Amino acid sequence: MTKRFNPNPKLPVKDPKVMAHLLGLGLDCDDGHKRITQADKFSILGGSEQTHDHMTETLCKTFEDLKAKGKSLEDASMDEISDLIKKNTPDS
């Protein structure tokens, strides 16, 4: 039996399915701008304007596809999410 370590026992241990969230991190910014886009189930931080826009477009389309399938992020498998992200990534 695996017991999770909870450093603060007053806080509930969160179910990973409830905490599902995608994070996009862009590392190619050289213009000094701090770009942050936040949504209910994803966050995108940094990147050049082009990179940030591509990541935003990719994740928005990914969530649209999940919704069309009647699924949420919590319901989809990692492989399904990975496939959707690859499908929805714009060509540079």
N, C-alpha and C. Protein backbone atom coordinates (compact mmCIF):
# COMPACT_ATOMS: atom_id res chain seq x y z
N MET A 1 0.85 -1.17 0.00
CA MET A 1 0.00 0.00 0.00
C MET A 1 0.89 1.23 0.00
N THR A 2 0.61 2.14 -0.89
CA THR A 2 1.38 3.37 -0.99
C THR A 2 0.61 4.48 -0.30
N LYS A 3 1.26 5.11 0.66
CA LYS A 3 0.63 6.23 1.33
C LYS A 3 1.32 7.51 0.87
N ARG A 4 0.52 8.49 0.50
CA ARG A 4 1.09 9.76 0.07
C ARG A 4 1.56 10.55 1.27
N PHE A 5 2.67 11.23 1.07
CA PHE A 5 3.18 12.12 2.10
C PHE A 5 2.45 13.45 1.99
N ASN A 6 1.88 13.90 3.07
CA ASN A 6 1.19 15.19 3.10
C ASN A 6 1.90 16.06 4.12
N PRO A 7 2.71 17.04 3.67
CA PRO A 7 3.49 17.84 4.60
C PRO A 7 2.62 18.70 5.51
N ASN A 8 1.40 18.97 5.11
CA ASN A 8 0.50 19.75 5.93
C ASN A 8 -0.80 18.96 6.07
N PRO A 9 -0.93 18.19 7.14
CA PRO A 9 -2.09 17.30 7.27
C PRO A 9 -3.43 18.03 7.37
N LYS A 10 -3.42 19.34 7.60
CA LYS A 10 -4.68 20.09 7.66
C LYS A 10 -5.24 20.33 6.26
N LEU A 11 -4.39 20.23 5.24
CA LEU A 11 -4.84 20.41 3.87
C LEU A 11 -5.18 19.05 3.29
N PRO A 12 -6.28 18.94 2.54
CA PRO A 12 -6.64 17.64 1.96
C PRO A 12 -5.66 17.25 0.85
N VAL A 13 -5.44 15.95 0.71
CA VAL A 13 -4.64 15.45 -0.40
C VAL A 13 -5.52 15.53 -1.63
N LYS A 14 -5.04 16.22 -2.64
CA LYS A 14 -5.83 16.44 -3.84
C LYS A 14 -5.78 15.22 -4.76
N ASP A 15 -6.90 14.94 -5.36
CA ASP A 15 -6.99 13.88 -6.35
C ASP A 15 -6.38 14.41 -7.65
N PRO A 16 -5.41 13.70 -8.25
CA PRO A 16 -4.77 14.18 -9.47
C PRO A 16 -5.77 14.45 -10.59
N LYS A 17 -6.86 13.72 -10.65
CA LYS A 17 -7.86 13.94 -11.68
C LYS A 17 -8.53 15.30 -11.50
N VAL A 18 -8.69 15.73 -10.27
CA VAL A 18 -9.30 17.03 -9.99
C VAL A 18 -8.32 18.15 -10.32
N MET A 19 -7.05 17.87 -10.18
CA MET A 19 -6.02 18.88 -10.38
C MET A 19 -5.48 18.91 -11.81
N ALA A 20 -6.12 18.24 -12.74
CA ALA A 20 -5.63 18.17 -14.12
C ALA A 20 -5.49 19.58 -14.70
N HIS A 21 -4.31 19.86 -15.27
CA HIS A 21 -4.02 21.18 -15.81
C HIS A 21 -2.84 21.03 -16.77
N LEU A 22 -2.91 21.68 -17.91
CA LEU A 22 -1.80 21.66 -18.86
C LEU A 22 -1.01 22.95 -18.73
N LEU A 23 0.31 22.84 -18.86
CA LEU A 23 1.19 23.99 -18.73
C LEU A 23 2.08 24.08 -19.97
N GLY A 24 2.04 25.24 -20.63
CA GLY A 24 2.92 25.51 -21.76
C GLY A 24 3.97 26.51 -21.32
N LEU A 25 5.22 26.22 -21.61
CA LEU A 25 6.32 27.09 -21.20
C LEU A 25 7.18 27.42 -22.41
N GLY A 26 7.20 28.71 -22.77
CA GLY A 26 8.02 29.16 -23.90
C GLY A 26 9.32 29.75 -23.39
N LEU A 27 10.41 29.37 -24.02
CA LEU A 27 11.73 29.80 -23.54
C LEU A 27 12.48 30.68 -24.55
N ASP A 28 11.80 31.10 -25.63
CA ASP A 28 12.51 31.80 -26.70
C ASP A 28 12.24 33.30 -26.73
N CYS A 29 11.84 33.89 -25.64
CA CYS A 29 11.53 35.32 -25.61
C CYS A 29 12.81 36.15 -25.44
N ASP A 30 13.01 37.10 -26.34
CA ASP A 30 14.17 37.98 -26.20
C ASP A 30 13.78 39.46 -26.32
N ASP A 31 12.45 39.74 -26.26
CA ASP A 31 12.01 41.12 -26.40
C ASP A 31 11.61 41.76 -25.06
N GLY A 32 11.78 41.02 -23.97
CA GLY A 32 11.51 41.57 -22.64
C GLY A 32 10.05 41.51 -22.20
N HIS A 33 9.16 41.04 -23.06
CA HIS A 33 7.75 40.94 -22.68
C HIS A 33 7.53 39.72 -21.79
N LYS A 34 6.61 39.86 -20.86
CA LYS A 34 6.21 38.75 -19.99
C LYS A 34 4.81 38.34 -20.41
N ARG A 35 4.73 37.26 -21.16
CA ARG A 35 3.44 36.80 -21.69
C ARG A 35 2.87 35.70 -20.79
N ILE A 36 1.62 35.88 -20.39
CA ILE A 36 0.93 34.90 -19.55
C ILE A 36 -0.50 34.77 -20.06
N THR A 37 -0.89 33.55 -20.34
CA THR A 37 -2.28 33.26 -20.71
C THR A 37 -2.78 32.19 -19.76
N GLN A 38 -3.90 32.46 -19.11
CA GLN A 38 -4.45 31.49 -18.16
C GLN A 38 -5.89 31.17 -18.54
N ALA A 39 -6.23 29.91 -18.41
CA ALA A 39 -7.60 29.44 -18.61
C ALA A 39 -7.90 28.47 -17.47
N ASP A 40 -9.10 27.94 -17.48
CA ASP A 40 -9.52 27.05 -16.40
C ASP A 40 -8.61 25.83 -16.28
N LYS A 41 -8.25 25.23 -17.42
CA LYS A 41 -7.50 23.97 -17.39
C LYS A 41 -6.14 24.05 -18.07
N PHE A 42 -5.68 25.26 -18.42
CA PHE A 42 -4.31 25.38 -18.94
C PHE A 42 -3.75 26.77 -18.65
N SER A 43 -2.42 26.83 -18.61
CA SER A 43 -1.68 28.07 -18.45
C SER A 43 -0.52 28.05 -19.43
N ILE A 44 -0.23 29.21 -20.02
CA ILE A 44 0.91 29.35 -20.93
C ILE A 44 1.74 30.51 -20.43
N LEU A 45 3.02 30.25 -20.25
CA LEU A 45 3.93 31.25 -19.71
C LEU A 45 5.10 31.45 -20.67
N GLY A 46 5.41 32.72 -20.94
CA GLY A 46 6.63 33.06 -21.68
C GLY A 46 6.53 32.81 -23.16
N GLY A 47 7.69 32.82 -23.77
CA GLY A 47 7.82 32.60 -25.19
C GLY A 47 7.76 33.89 -25.98
N SER A 48 8.25 33.83 -27.20
CA SER A 48 8.12 34.96 -28.11
C SER A 48 6.65 35.12 -28.46
N GLU A 49 6.30 36.21 -29.11
CA GLU A 49 4.89 36.42 -29.48
C GLU A 49 4.38 35.26 -30.34
N GLN A 50 5.19 34.84 -31.31
CA GLN A 50 4.79 33.75 -32.21
C GLN A 50 4.63 32.43 -31.44
N THR A 51 5.60 32.10 -30.61
CA THR A 51 5.54 30.86 -29.84
C THR A 51 4.34 30.85 -28.90
N HIS A 52 4.14 31.96 -28.21
CA HIS A 52 3.02 32.05 -27.26
C HIS A 52 1.69 31.89 -27.99
N ASP A 53 1.55 32.55 -29.14
CA ASP A 53 0.33 32.43 -29.93
C ASP A 53 0.11 31.00 -30.43
N HIS A 54 1.18 30.33 -30.86
CA HIS A 54 1.07 28.95 -31.32
C HIS A 54 0.64 28.02 -30.19
N MET A 55 1.23 28.20 -29.01
CA MET A 55 0.86 27.35 -27.88
C MET A 55 -0.60 27.60 -27.49
N THR A 56 -1.02 28.86 -27.49
CA THR A 56 -2.40 29.19 -27.14
C THR A 56 -3.37 28.57 -28.14
N GLU A 57 -3.08 28.71 -29.42
CA GLU A 57 -3.92 28.13 -30.47
C GLU A 57 -3.99 26.61 -30.33
N THR A 58 -2.86 25.98 -30.07
CA THR A 58 -2.80 24.53 -29.93
C THR A 58 -3.69 24.05 -28.78
N LEU A 59 -3.57 24.68 -27.63
CA LEU A 59 -4.34 24.21 -26.48
C LEU A 59 -5.82 24.55 -26.62
N CYS A 60 -6.15 25.69 -27.19
CA CYS A 60 -7.57 26.02 -27.41
C CYS A 60 -8.22 24.99 -28.34
N LYS A 61 -7.55 24.64 -29.44
CA LYS A 61 -8.08 23.64 -30.37
C LYS A 61 -8.15 22.26 -29.71
N THR A 62 -7.18 21.94 -28.88
CA THR A 62 -7.17 20.66 -28.18
C THR A 62 -8.39 20.55 -27.27
N PHE A 63 -8.69 21.60 -26.53
CA PHE A 63 -9.85 21.57 -25.65
C PHE A 63 -11.16 21.57 -26.45
N GLU A 64 -11.19 22.23 -27.61
CA GLU A 64 -12.36 22.18 -28.48
C GLU A 64 -12.60 20.74 -28.96
N ASP A 65 -11.52 20.05 -29.34
CA ASP A 65 -11.64 18.66 -29.79
C ASP A 65 -12.13 17.76 -28.66
N LEU A 66 -11.61 17.96 -27.47
CA LEU A 66 -12.07 17.17 -26.33
C LEU A 66 -13.56 17.40 -26.08
N LYS A 67 -13.97 18.65 -26.14
CA LYS A 67 -15.38 18.98 -25.93
C LYS A 67 -16.26 18.33 -27.00
N ALA A 68 -15.79 18.34 -28.24
CA ALA A 68 -16.55 17.72 -29.34
C ALA A 68 -16.70 16.22 -29.12
N LYS A 69 -15.73 15.61 -28.44
CA LYS A 69 -15.79 14.18 -28.13
C LYS A 69 -16.58 13.92 -26.86
N GLY A 70 -17.03 14.99 -26.20
CA GLY A 70 -17.78 14.83 -24.95
C GLY A 70 -16.90 14.47 -23.77
N LYS A 71 -15.63 14.87 -23.85
CA LYS A 71 -14.68 14.54 -22.78
C LYS A 71 -14.12 15.80 -22.15
N SER A 72 -13.64 15.65 -20.95
CA SER A 72 -12.91 16.72 -20.28
C SER A 72 -11.45 16.29 -20.17
N LEU A 73 -10.61 17.19 -19.71
CA LEU A 73 -9.19 16.86 -19.54
C LEU A 73 -9.03 15.67 -18.59
N GLU A 74 -9.85 15.63 -17.56
CA GLU A 74 -9.76 14.56 -16.57
C GLU A 74 -10.16 13.20 -17.14
N ASP A 75 -11.04 13.21 -18.16
CA ASP A 75 -11.54 11.96 -18.74
C ASP A 75 -10.61 11.39 -19.81
N ALA A 76 -9.79 12.22 -20.41
CA ALA A 76 -8.94 11.79 -21.52
C ALA A 76 -7.66 11.15 -21.01
N SER A 77 -7.17 10.19 -21.77
CA SER A 77 -5.89 9.56 -21.43
C SER A 77 -4.75 10.48 -21.85
N MET A 78 -3.58 10.24 -21.27
CA MET A 78 -2.41 11.03 -21.65
C MET A 78 -2.08 10.85 -23.13
N ASP A 79 -2.25 9.63 -23.64
CA ASP A 79 -1.98 9.37 -25.05
C ASP A 79 -2.95 10.15 -25.94
N GLU A 80 -4.21 10.20 -25.55
CA GLU A 80 -5.20 10.94 -26.34
C GLU A 80 -4.89 12.43 -26.35
N ILE A 81 -4.53 12.97 -25.20
CA ILE A 81 -4.18 14.39 -25.11
C ILE A 81 -2.94 14.68 -25.94
N SER A 82 -1.95 13.81 -25.85
CA SER A 82 -0.72 13.97 -26.63
C SER A 82 -1.02 13.96 -28.13
N ASP A 83 -1.86 13.03 -28.56
CA ASP A 83 -2.23 12.96 -29.98
C ASP A 83 -2.95 14.23 -30.43
N LEU A 84 -3.86 14.73 -29.60
CA LEU A 84 -4.60 15.95 -29.96
C LEU A 84 -3.66 17.16 -30.03
N ILE A 85 -2.72 17.25 -29.10
CA ILE A 85 -1.77 18.35 -29.13
C ILE A 85 -0.93 18.30 -30.40
N LYS A 86 -0.46 17.11 -30.76
CA LYS A 86 0.32 16.97 -32.00
C LYS A 86 -0.51 17.35 -33.21
N LYS A 87 -1.77 16.91 -33.24
CA LYS A 87 -2.67 17.21 -34.36
C LYS A 87 -2.93 18.72 -34.46
N ASN A 88 -3.04 19.38 -33.34
CA ASN A 88 -3.45 20.79 -33.33
C ASN A 88 -2.29 21.78 -33.32
N THR A 89 -1.07 21.31 -33.30
CA THR A 89 0.08 22.20 -33.32
C THR A 89 0.23 22.80 -34.72
N PRO A 90 0.19 24.14 -34.84
CA PRO A 90 0.31 24.75 -36.17
C PRO A 90 1.70 24.57 -36.75
N ASP A 91 1.74 24.48 -38.07
CA ASP A 91 3.03 24.39 -38.75
C ASP A 91 3.72 25.75 -38.68
N SER A 92 5.00 25.75 -38.40
CA SER A 92 5.74 27.02 -38.29
C SER A 92 6.15 27.55 -39.63
